[in-house]
Amino acid sequence: MENALKRSFKNGELVHVVDYWGTCNGSQAFATGAEILRVNERDKTFYAVLYGDTYQTYSFKDYGRLIFDTPKEAEEAAYKLPKPKTTVYQVIGKRVYKKLVTGICGQYNDGAYDLVIELEKGKDVSTKEIGKSLFLNESDAREKSKK
């Protein structure tokens, strides 16, 4: 995100992040606080603690997507992510595929934490793909598949 270039992170700072947690329907996104423990300017990452005992490394690039300054911003971002048992549309080539979300999980990509949408069929997809190859409504997916 372009905003990441304008934002500096500092040790001891509290930020708000989007993470996931299990529910009776499956795991889904929600917002939580995180304290920055160590900043790596060279790699453009920071290491933070969530819930007092969970440690994650975040990329500066995810500011405005997974990392926020206020709880409200993080809550709004988490709310926009698909919930378990909802339908998303995936564009592969020129085709649109209807997929069922089974949940959201976390994983590391390129040395930083990312949220991934688990699909009932096919490969799991990074939340970075929303609006690129994964869509929350069919009309947007169809429009993208024509390009």
C-alpha atoms as a PDB file:
ATOM      1  CA  MET A   1       0.000   0.000   0.000  1.00  0.00           C
ATOM      2  CA  GLU A   2       1.229   3.493  -0.793  1.00  0.00           C
ATOM      3  CA  ASN A   3       0.372   4.668   2.726  1.00  0.00           C
ATOM      4  CA  ALA A   4       2.975   2.279   4.128  1.00  0.00           C
ATOM      5  CA  LEU A   5       5.707   4.447   2.643  1.00  0.00           C
ATOM      6  CA  LYS A   6       4.428   7.427   4.667  1.00  0.00           C
ATOM      7  CA  ARG A   7       3.957   5.528   7.945  1.00  0.00           C
ATOM      8  CA  SER A   8       6.766   4.768  10.363  1.00  0.00           C
ATOM      9  CA  PHE A   9       6.485   2.113  13.052  1.00  0.00           C
ATOM     10  CA  LYS A  10       8.184   2.276  16.445  1.00  0.00           C
ATOM     11  CA  ASN A  11       9.048  -0.219  19.178  1.00  0.00           C
ATOM     12  CA  GLY A  12       6.420  -0.231  21.921  1.00  0.00           C
ATOM     13  CA  GLU A  13       3.740   1.285  19.685  1.00  0.00           C
ATOM     14  CA  LEU A  14       0.218  -0.151  19.754  1.00  0.00           C
ATOM     15  CA  VAL A  15      -1.338  -0.833  16.359  1.00  0.00           C
ATOM     16  CA  HIS A  16      -4.557  -2.571  15.406  1.00  0.00           C
ATOM     17  CA  VAL A  17      -4.456  -5.606  13.155  1.00  0.00           C
ATOM     18  CA  VAL A  18      -6.852  -7.963  11.425  1.00  0.00           C
ATOM     19  CA  ASP A  19      -6.390 -11.544  12.519  1.00  0.00           C
ATOM     20  CA  TYR A  20      -8.654 -14.608  12.580  1.00  0.00           C
ATOM     21  CA  TRP A  21     -10.367 -16.670  15.218  1.00  0.00           C
ATOM     22  CA  GLY A  22     -12.499 -19.777  15.176  1.00  0.00           C
ATOM     23  CA  THR A  23     -16.268 -19.536  15.584  1.00  0.00           C
ATOM     24  CA  CYS A  24     -18.985 -22.174  15.561  1.00  0.00           C
ATOM     25  CA  ASN A  25     -19.315 -21.610  11.776  1.00  0.00           C
ATOM     26  CA  GLY A  26     -15.575 -21.677  11.040  1.00  0.00           C
ATOM     27  CA  SER A  27     -12.681 -19.258  11.429  1.00  0.00           C
ATOM     28  CA  GLN A  28     -13.226 -15.642  10.438  1.00  0.00           C
ATOM     29  CA  ALA A  29     -11.495 -12.274  10.535  1.00  0.00           C
ATOM     30  CA  PHE A  30     -11.697  -9.866  13.446  1.00  0.00           C
ATOM     31  CA  ALA A  31      -9.730  -6.909  14.810  1.00  0.00           C
ATOM     32  CA  THR A  32      -7.332  -6.925  17.747  1.00  0.00           C
ATOM     33  CA  GLY A  33      -4.535  -4.836  19.212  1.00  0.00           C
ATOM     34  CA  ALA A  34      -0.861  -5.610  18.745  1.00  0.00           C
ATOM     35  CA  GLU A  35       2.208  -4.169  20.443  1.00  0.00           C
ATOM     36  CA  ILE A  36       5.237  -3.695  18.235  1.00  0.00           C
ATOM     37  CA  LEU A  37       8.276  -5.328  19.839  1.00  0.00           C
ATOM     38  CA  ARG A  38      10.884  -4.926  17.114  1.00  0.00           C
ATOM     39  CA  VAL A  39      11.051  -2.958  13.852  1.00  0.00           C
ATOM     40  CA  ASN A  40      13.223  -4.095  10.945  1.00  0.00           C
ATOM     41  CA  GLU A  41      13.665  -1.091   8.633  1.00  0.00           C
ATOM     42  CA  ARG A  42      15.820  -3.069   6.195  1.00  0.00           C
ATOM     43  CA  ASP A  43      13.129  -5.709   5.557  1.00  0.00           C
ATOM     44  CA  LYS A  44      10.254  -3.247   6.090  1.00  0.00           C
ATOM     45  CA  THR A  45       8.673  -5.494   8.724  1.00  0.00           C
ATOM     46  CA  PHE A  46       7.848  -5.422  12.400  1.00  0.00           C
ATOM     47  CA  TYR A  47       7.446  -8.146  15.004  1.00  0.00           C
ATOM     48  CA  ALA A  48       4.449  -7.756  17.320  1.00  0.00           C
ATOM     49  CA  VAL A  49       2.643  -9.548  20.137  1.00  0.00           C
ATOM     50  CA  LEU A  50      -1.114 -10.137  20.027  1.00  0.00           C
ATOM     51  CA  TYR A  51      -3.227 -11.480  22.913  1.00  0.00           C
ATOM     52  CA  GLY A  52      -0.148 -11.428  25.160  1.00  0.00           C
ATOM     53  CA  ASP A  53       1.248 -14.698  23.814  1.00  0.00           C
ATOM     54  CA  THR A  54       0.994 -14.756  20.008  1.00  0.00           C
ATOM     55  CA  TYR A  55       3.836 -13.296  17.947  1.00  0.00           C
ATOM     56  CA  GLN A  56       3.607 -12.304  14.285  1.00  0.00           C
ATOM     57  CA  THR A  57       5.783 -10.492  11.755  1.00  0.00           C
ATOM     58  CA  TYR A  58       3.953  -7.939   9.606  1.00  0.00           C
ATOM     59  CA  SER A  59       5.052  -6.194   6.428  1.00  0.00           C
ATOM     60  CA  PHE A  60       4.874  -2.388   6.235  1.00  0.00           C
ATOM     61  CA  LYS A  61       3.141  -2.964   2.875  1.00  0.00           C
ATOM     62  CA  ASP A  62       0.101  -4.305   4.722  1.00  0.00           C
ATOM     63  CA  TYR A  63      -0.626  -0.969   6.388  1.00  0.00           C
ATOM     64  CA  GLY A  64      -4.205  -0.171   5.395  1.00  0.00           C
ATOM     65  CA  ARG A  65      -4.994  -3.840   4.680  1.00  0.00           C
ATOM     66  CA  LEU A  66      -4.055  -5.794   7.837  1.00  0.00           C
ATOM     67  CA  ILE A  67      -2.493  -3.021   9.969  1.00  0.00           C
ATOM     68  CA  PHE A  68      -4.326   0.089  11.156  1.00  0.00           C
ATOM     69  CA  ASP A  69      -3.983   3.004  13.558  1.00  0.00           C
ATOM     70  CA  THR A  70      -7.433   2.738  15.143  1.00  0.00           C
ATOM     71  CA  PRO A  71      -9.653  -0.116  16.313  1.00  0.00           C
ATOM     72  CA  LYS A  72     -12.482   1.182  14.117  1.00  0.00           C
ATOM     73  CA  GLU A  73     -10.380   0.957  10.922  1.00  0.00           C
ATOM     74  CA  ALA A  74      -9.313  -2.606  11.771  1.00  0.00           C
ATOM     75  CA  GLU A  75     -12.894  -3.624  12.609  1.00  0.00           C
ATOM     76  CA  GLU A  76     -14.178  -2.221   9.302  1.00  0.00           C
ATOM     77  CA  ALA A  77     -11.497  -4.106   7.361  1.00  0.00           C
ATOM     78  CA  ALA A  78     -12.240  -7.367   9.198  1.00  0.00           C
ATOM     79  CA  TYR A  79     -15.960  -6.962   8.586  1.00  0.00           C
ATOM     80  CA  LYS A  80     -15.378  -6.643   4.820  1.00  0.00           C
ATOM     81  CA  LEU A  81     -13.614 -10.017   4.583  1.00  0.00           C
ATOM     82  CA  PRO A  82     -15.782 -13.003   3.622  1.00  0.00           C
ATOM     83  CA  LYS A  83     -17.295 -15.072   6.401  1.00  0.00           C
ATOM     84  CA  PRO A  84     -17.462 -18.879   6.505  1.00  0.00           C
ATOM     85  CA  LYS A  85     -20.262 -20.365   4.392  1.00  0.00           C
ATOM     86  CA  THR A  86     -20.435 -17.323   2.100  1.00  0.00           C
ATOM     87  CA  THR A  87     -19.859 -17.379  -1.637  1.00  0.00           C
ATOM     88  CA  VAL A  88     -16.975 -15.685  -3.445  1.00  0.00           C
ATOM     89  CA  TYR A  89     -16.128 -15.587  -7.145  1.00  0.00           C
ATOM     90  CA  GLN A  90     -12.680 -16.458  -8.432  1.00  0.00           C
ATOM     91  CA  VAL A  91     -11.411 -15.405 -11.836  1.00  0.00           C
ATOM     92  CA  ILE A  92      -8.965 -17.830 -13.406  1.00  0.00           C
ATOM     93  CA  GLY A  93      -8.043 -16.861 -16.943  1.00  0.00           C
ATOM     94  CA  LYS A  94     -11.290 -15.703 -18.554  1.00  0.00           C
ATOM     95  CA  ARG A  95     -13.540 -17.961 -16.448  1.00  0.00           C
ATOM     96  CA  VAL A  96     -15.429 -17.151 -13.248  1.00  0.00           C
ATOM     97  CA  TYR A  97     -15.764 -19.870 -10.613  1.00  0.00           C
ATOM     98  CA  LYS A  98     -18.235 -19.768  -7.746  1.00  0.00           C
ATOM     99  CA  LYS A  99     -16.538 -20.886  -4.499  1.00  0.00           C
ATOM    100  CA  LEU A 100     -17.708 -21.472  -0.943  1.00  0.00           C
ATOM    101  CA  VAL A 101     -15.607 -20.004   1.874  1.00  0.00           C
ATOM    102  CA  THR A 102     -14.861 -22.469   4.670  1.00  0.00           C
ATOM    103  CA  GLY A 103     -12.859 -20.010   6.783  1.00  0.00           C
ATOM    104  CA  ILE A 104      -9.908 -17.688   7.102  1.00  0.00           C
ATOM    105  CA  CYS A 105      -6.507 -18.657   8.442  1.00  0.00           C
ATOM    106  CA  GLY A 106      -3.090 -17.105   8.841  1.00  0.00           C
ATOM    107  CA  GLN A 107       0.136 -18.072   7.147  1.00  0.00           C
ATOM    108  CA  TYR A 108       3.510 -16.624   6.285  1.00  0.00           C
ATOM    109  CA  ASN A 109       4.247 -15.416   2.753  1.00  0.00           C
ATOM    110  CA  ASP A 110       7.591 -13.811   1.905  1.00  0.00           C
ATOM    111  CA  GLY A 111       8.532 -13.596   5.599  1.00  0.00           C
ATOM    112  CA  ALA A 112       5.395 -11.742   6.750  1.00  0.00           C
ATOM    113  CA  TYR A 113       2.051 -12.790   8.181  1.00  0.00           C
ATOM    114  CA  ASP A 114      -0.921 -12.869   5.822  1.00  0.00           C
ATOM    115  CA  LEU A 115      -4.572 -13.835   6.042  1.00  0.00           C
ATOM    116  CA  VAL A 116      -5.743 -16.503   3.627  1.00  0.00           C
ATOM    117  CA  ILE A 117      -9.268 -17.394   2.557  1.00  0.00           C
ATOM    118  CA  GLU A 118      -9.884 -21.131   2.713  1.00  0.00           C
ATOM    119  CA  LEU A 119     -12.111 -22.390  -0.078  1.00  0.00           C
ATOM    120  CA  GLU A 120     -14.156 -25.589  -0.132  1.00  0.00           C
ATOM    121  CA  LYS A 121     -12.671 -26.538  -3.515  1.00  0.00           C
ATOM    122  CA  GLY A 122      -9.396 -25.379  -4.981  1.00  0.00           C
ATOM    123  CA  LYS A 123      -6.394 -23.669  -3.438  1.00  0.00           C
ATOM    124  CA  ASP A 124      -6.581 -21.224  -0.570  1.00  0.00           C
ATOM    125  CA  VAL A 125      -6.258 -17.572  -1.669  1.00  0.00           C
ATOM    126  CA  SER A 126      -4.542 -14.632   0.036  1.00  0.00           C
ATOM    127  CA  THR A 127      -6.829 -11.792   1.059  1.00  0.00           C
ATOM    128  CA  LYS A 128      -4.517  -9.654  -1.110  1.00  0.00           C
ATOM    129  CA  GLU A 129      -6.376 -11.133  -4.089  1.00  0.00           C
ATOM    130  CA  ILE A 130      -9.715  -9.541  -3.198  1.00  0.00           C
ATOM    131  CA  GLY A 131     -10.546  -7.235  -6.092  1.00  0.00           C
ATOM    132  CA  LYS A 132      -7.837  -8.812  -8.291  1.00  0.00           C
ATOM    133  CA  SER A 133      -8.710 -12.478  -8.794  1.00  0.00           C
ATOM    134  CA  LEU A 134     -11.194 -13.015  -5.962  1.00  0.00           C
ATOM    135  CA  PHE A 135     -14.450 -11.069  -5.698  1.00  0.00           C
ATOM    136  CA  LEU A 136     -17.262 -10.809  -3.209  1.00  0.00           C
ATOM    137  CA  ASN A 137     -19.899 -10.373  -5.909  1.00  0.00           C
ATOM    138  CA  GLU A 138     -20.395 -12.038  -9.248  1.00  0.00           C
ATOM    139  CA  SER A 139     -20.821  -8.868 -11.339  1.00  0.00           C
ATOM    140  CA  ASP A 140     -17.355  -7.577 -10.371  1.00  0.00           C
ATOM    141  CA  ALA A 141     -15.834 -10.975 -11.196  1.00  0.00           C
ATOM    142  CA  ARG A 142     -17.551 -11.081 -14.585  1.00  0.00           C
ATOM    143  CA  GLU A 143     -16.335  -7.553 -15.365  1.00  0.00           C
ATOM    144  CA  LYS A 144     -12.754  -8.527 -14.466  1.00  0.00           C
ATOM    145  CA  SER A 145     -12.924 -11.713 -16.569  1.00  0.00           C
ATOM    146  CA  LYS A 146     -13.683  -9.625 -19.684  1.00  0.00           C
ATOM    147  CA  LYS A 147     -10.453  -7.633 -19.388  1.00  0.00           C
END
